[in-house]
Amino acid sequence: HDQVEAMTMADRIVVLNAGRVEQVGRPMDLYHHPRNLFVAGFIGSPPMNFLPGKVAAANGTQLTVDLGAVGQVQLAASSPLQIGEAVTVGIRPESLSAQPGNGTTFSLRIVPHTVERLGLHTIIYGDGGGQTLTCLLTGDPAVPTGALLTLHAPIAQIHLFDQQGLACTATA
C-alpha cells in the first residue's frame, strides 16, 4: 500500500483495484504510461490532476479538447475519438511550471488558495475553472495566495483518458 516504497524499491509493480489487476510494469512505466484513470491517480505524489472535458474537434487522432473554463488543449490520441465524447485530461502536478517551457505547452490559470513551502519543493493548491488543481514547483518561488497564476505543461506530458477511463494518449 506504500506507493513511494514500491516506486523506489520494486523492479515491477502490480496495481490492484478491489482485487483486480489494473496494470503490471516497471515503476516508471506505470508513472509515465498509466493504463487507466485508477493507475494514473494511484501512482504519483501528489496525485495527478484530472480535468473533465469533451472532444471539440477531431481530425483523425488529432483532437481539440474543451476543458470548459480551463480552456482548450490540442492532443494526439492513440485512437480516434468522436466530437462531443467525454474525456478526462490528466496533468501531473510536477508537470506544471510557472515558466513557459520550450516547445509546445498548454497554459492554464489558477488562483492559489494554499501554498505549502517544503524547502526543496512548493506545493500549490488553487482554483482553476471551478476545481482545485495541484502544482508542484521546485524551490521556494514567490507565489501569493489569491492572485492569478499562469501555469504551463508540456503537451507531451499530458495524459488523455476516454469516457471509460482508459488511456488513449498517443505515445512515442
Protein backbone atom coordinates (compact mmCIF):
# COMPACT_ATOMS: atom_id res chain seq x y z
CA HIS A 1 0.00 0.00 0.00
CA ASP A 2 3.03 2.30 0.22
CA GLN A 3 3.46 3.51 -3.33
CA VAL A 4 6.62 5.53 -2.53
CA GLU A 5 8.31 2.41 -1.19
CA ALA A 6 7.11 0.40 -4.19
CA MET A 7 8.34 3.06 -6.64
CA THR A 8 11.80 3.22 -5.05
CA MET A 9 12.43 -0.47 -4.33
CA ALA A 10 10.49 -2.56 -6.82
CA ASP A 11 11.57 -3.83 -10.21
CA ARG A 12 7.92 -4.40 -11.11
CA ILE A 13 4.68 -3.23 -9.54
CA VAL A 14 1.23 -4.79 -9.65
CA VAL A 15 -1.52 -2.20 -9.15
CA LEU A 16 -4.66 -3.79 -7.72
CA ASN A 17 -8.12 -2.26 -7.52
CA ALA A 18 -10.61 -4.22 -5.40
CA GLY A 19 -8.63 -7.41 -6.09
CA ARG A 20 -8.46 -6.81 -9.86
CA VAL A 21 -5.11 -6.27 -11.59
CA GLU A 22 -5.17 -2.86 -13.27
CA GLN A 23 -1.58 -2.76 -14.54
CA VAL A 24 1.74 -4.54 -14.11
CA GLY A 25 5.05 -2.97 -15.03
CA ARG A 26 8.21 -1.19 -14.08
CA PRO A 27 7.61 1.72 -11.70
CA MET A 28 8.44 4.48 -14.18
CA ASP A 29 6.43 2.79 -16.94
CA LEU A 30 3.35 2.95 -14.71
CA TYR A 31 4.15 6.56 -13.85
CA HIS A 32 4.66 7.71 -17.46
CA HIS A 33 2.14 5.42 -19.16
CA PRO A 34 -0.76 4.60 -16.81
CA ARG A 35 -3.26 2.26 -18.43
CA ASN A 36 -6.29 3.96 -16.87
CA LEU A 37 -7.54 6.65 -14.50
CA PHE A 38 -7.15 4.42 -11.45
CA VAL A 39 -3.44 3.78 -12.05
CA ALA A 40 -2.88 7.44 -13.03
CA GLY A 41 -4.41 8.62 -9.76
CA PHE A 42 -2.72 5.98 -7.63
CA ILE A 43 0.86 6.37 -8.86
CA GLY A 44 2.44 9.73 -8.06
CA SER A 45 2.51 12.06 -5.10
CA PRO A 46 0.79 14.47 -5.09
CA PRO A 47 -1.76 12.67 -7.28
CA MET A 48 -2.46 13.57 -10.89
CA ASN A 49 -4.88 16.42 -11.65
CA PHE A 50 -7.93 15.27 -13.61
CA LEU A 51 -9.82 17.74 -15.80
CA PRO A 52 -13.16 16.73 -17.33
CA GLY A 53 -13.57 17.69 -20.96
CA LYS A 54 -15.22 16.97 -24.28
CA VAL A 55 -13.76 16.46 -27.71
CA ALA A 56 -14.46 19.75 -29.50
CA ALA A 57 -12.75 18.90 -32.80
CA ALA A 58 -11.18 15.81 -34.28
CA ASN A 59 -9.01 15.25 -37.32
CA GLY A 60 -8.15 11.56 -37.18
CA THR A 61 -6.22 11.16 -33.96
CA GLN A 62 -5.51 14.90 -33.55
CA LEU A 63 -8.02 16.31 -31.07
CA THR A 64 -9.03 19.60 -29.58
CA VAL A 65 -10.35 19.01 -26.07
CA ASP A 66 -12.60 21.63 -24.50
CA LEU A 67 -11.96 21.86 -20.74
CA GLY A 68 -14.65 24.49 -20.10
CA ALA A 69 -13.39 27.46 -18.08
CA VAL A 70 -9.86 25.99 -18.06
CA GLY A 71 -9.53 26.37 -21.85
CA GLN A 72 -8.79 24.09 -24.76
CA VAL A 73 -5.86 21.79 -25.42
CA GLN A 74 -4.77 20.05 -28.60
CA LEU A 75 -3.63 16.47 -28.10
CA ALA A 76 -2.86 13.38 -30.14
CA ALA A 77 -4.82 10.26 -29.24
CA SER A 78 -3.87 6.64 -29.85
CA SER A 79 -7.26 6.05 -31.48
CA PRO A 80 -9.92 8.33 -32.97
CA LEU A 81 -12.48 9.81 -30.60
CA GLN A 82 -15.79 11.38 -31.61
CA ILE A 83 -16.70 15.06 -31.36
CA GLY A 84 -18.74 15.55 -28.20
CA GLU A 85 -17.26 12.47 -26.50
CA ALA A 86 -16.48 12.94 -22.81
CA VAL A 87 -12.80 12.61 -21.94
CA THR A 88 -10.54 13.30 -18.98
CA VAL A 89 -7.25 15.15 -19.27
CA GLY A 90 -4.60 14.25 -16.68
CA ILE A 91 -1.72 16.51 -15.71
CA ARG A 92 0.76 15.58 -13.02
CA PRO A 93 1.42 18.39 -10.50
CA GLU A 94 5.15 18.22 -11.26
CA SER A 95 4.47 18.69 -14.99
CA LEU A 96 3.10 22.17 -14.29
CA SER A 97 5.52 25.09 -14.21
CA ALA A 98 5.20 28.82 -13.67
CA GLN A 99 7.68 29.32 -16.53
CA PRO A 100 6.69 28.65 -20.14
CA GLY A 101 8.89 25.88 -21.47
CA ASN A 102 10.50 25.44 -24.84
CA GLY A 103 8.24 23.66 -27.28
CA THR A 104 4.51 23.10 -27.28
CA THR A 105 2.80 23.73 -23.97
CA PHE A 106 -0.70 24.02 -22.57
CA SER A 107 -1.33 27.02 -20.34
CA LEU A 108 -3.97 27.37 -17.66
CA ARG A 109 -4.69 29.84 -14.91
CA ILE A 110 -5.36 29.16 -11.26
CA VAL A 111 -5.92 31.28 -8.19
CA PRO A 112 -3.77 29.76 -5.40
CA HIS A 113 -5.59 29.32 -2.10
CA THR A 114 -2.97 27.24 -0.26
CA VAL A 115 0.81 27.27 -0.67
CA GLU A 116 2.87 24.62 1.15
CA ARG A 117 6.53 25.60 1.27
CA LEU A 118 8.62 22.49 1.84
CA GLY A 119 12.08 23.91 1.11
CA LEU A 120 13.08 21.75 -1.85
CA HIS A 121 9.54 21.93 -3.28
CA THR A 122 6.48 24.11 -3.06
CA ILE A 123 3.02 22.60 -3.45
CA ILE A 124 0.32 24.97 -4.68
CA TYR A 125 -3.40 24.22 -4.44
CA GLY A 126 -5.55 26.58 -6.47
CA ASP A 127 -8.89 27.07 -8.10
CA GLY A 128 -8.83 26.55 -11.84
CA GLY A 129 -12.11 26.58 -13.67
CA GLY A 130 -14.14 25.68 -10.60
CA GLN A 131 -11.98 22.83 -9.36
CA THR A 132 -8.91 22.51 -7.19
CA LEU A 133 -5.70 21.84 -9.09
CA THR A 134 -2.34 20.95 -7.58
CA CYS A 135 1.06 22.14 -8.79
CA LEU A 136 4.46 21.02 -7.50
CA LEU A 137 7.19 23.58 -8.12
CA THR A 138 10.91 23.29 -7.41
CA GLY A 139 12.35 25.53 -4.71
CA ASP A 140 10.58 28.36 -2.92
CA PRO A 141 9.05 30.59 -5.60
CA ALA A 142 7.12 33.71 -4.62
CA VAL A 143 3.50 32.58 -5.03
CA PRO A 144 0.96 34.82 -3.33
CA THR A 145 -2.44 33.38 -2.48
CA GLY A 146 -5.45 34.98 -4.14
CA ALA A 147 -3.54 36.28 -7.19
CA LEU A 148 -3.94 34.82 -10.66
CA LEU A 149 -1.10 32.42 -11.57
CA THR A 150 -0.48 31.10 -15.08
CA LEU A 151 0.90 27.56 -15.25
CA HIS A 152 2.29 25.68 -18.24
CA ALA A 153 2.54 21.96 -19.03
CA PRO A 154 4.38 20.36 -21.93
CA ILE A 155 1.85 18.73 -24.27
CA ALA A 156 3.98 15.55 -24.27
CA GLN A 157 3.36 15.19 -20.51
CA ILE A 158 -0.43 15.49 -20.68
CA HIS A 159 -2.48 12.31 -20.43
CA LEU A 160 -5.83 11.65 -22.11
CA PHE A 161 -8.43 9.14 -20.96
CA ASP A 162 -11.63 8.13 -22.74
CA GLN A 163 -15.09 8.02 -21.14
CA GLN A 164 -14.41 4.50 -19.84
CA GLY A 165 -11.30 5.82 -18.08
CA LEU A 166 -8.85 4.06 -20.40
CA ALA A 167 -5.68 5.80 -21.53
CA CYS A 168 -5.76 6.99 -25.12
CA THR A 169 -2.71 9.25 -25.15
CA ALA A 170 -0.52 8.71 -28.17
CA THR A 171 2.93 7.58 -27.08
CA ALA A 172 6.21 7.80 -28.93
